[in-house]
Amino acid sequence: MNFFGQTRSLINQLLPVTDFGMQLDIEIRPATAVDVDLICELHQQLSSTSIYKRYHSPRVPSRDEMARMCRLNEENGRSFIACAPGKAAIVGIAYYIIQADNPDTAEIALLVADAFQNRGIGRRLMQHLRKTAVSQGIRFFDALVLPSNRSMIHLLNSSGRLIADRLSYGAREMRVQLQ
């Protein structure tokens, strides 16, 4: 049961997961306006723990905020989704927003459906973000991460050279230099 009192069965029915070490057939592509409803559905399927780790509170973004994520372009950032080809479900989203006062730096965020965590989807999304950002001249990723979110901390540490990591108001402010 998730934060909204609903089961996660829809995603589990659409995209069964096995633990046999098989690579998941996941497509990474840019998010578009037509993805907003599926991104909202992804959020409805998340556990309260996943919501808290991503947003640092039980608050889920509004539909309008999710739509803004999908409208990121090369001028202000980029967003990507992970989905199974031919399936009507999104299992992950990642995006970066370029800092207006520092255009070589972008703040990043990733979110992966509970049933698909620790299966390499976050790593693939991060690789996509990194490759796209570097091609745009972005040199640094910033992230605000809860100390309990070990998966995200590991992902950031493996994405480049960690040049800043400080605890501020209960969260780690991390900066990674992209190489």
Foldseek 3Di string as FASTA:
>chain_A
DAPVPDELVVVCVQQPDDDPLDAGQKDKDFAALVCLVQVVVLVVHAHQVLCCQQVVDSDDDDSVVSSVQNPDDLVFKTKMFIDHPPTSHTFKMKMWTADPVHRLETEIGMGGRPVCPPRCPRLVRLVVRLVSSVVSNRFKYKYWGAPVPVVVVVSQVVQAPWDAWDDDPRTITTMGTHD
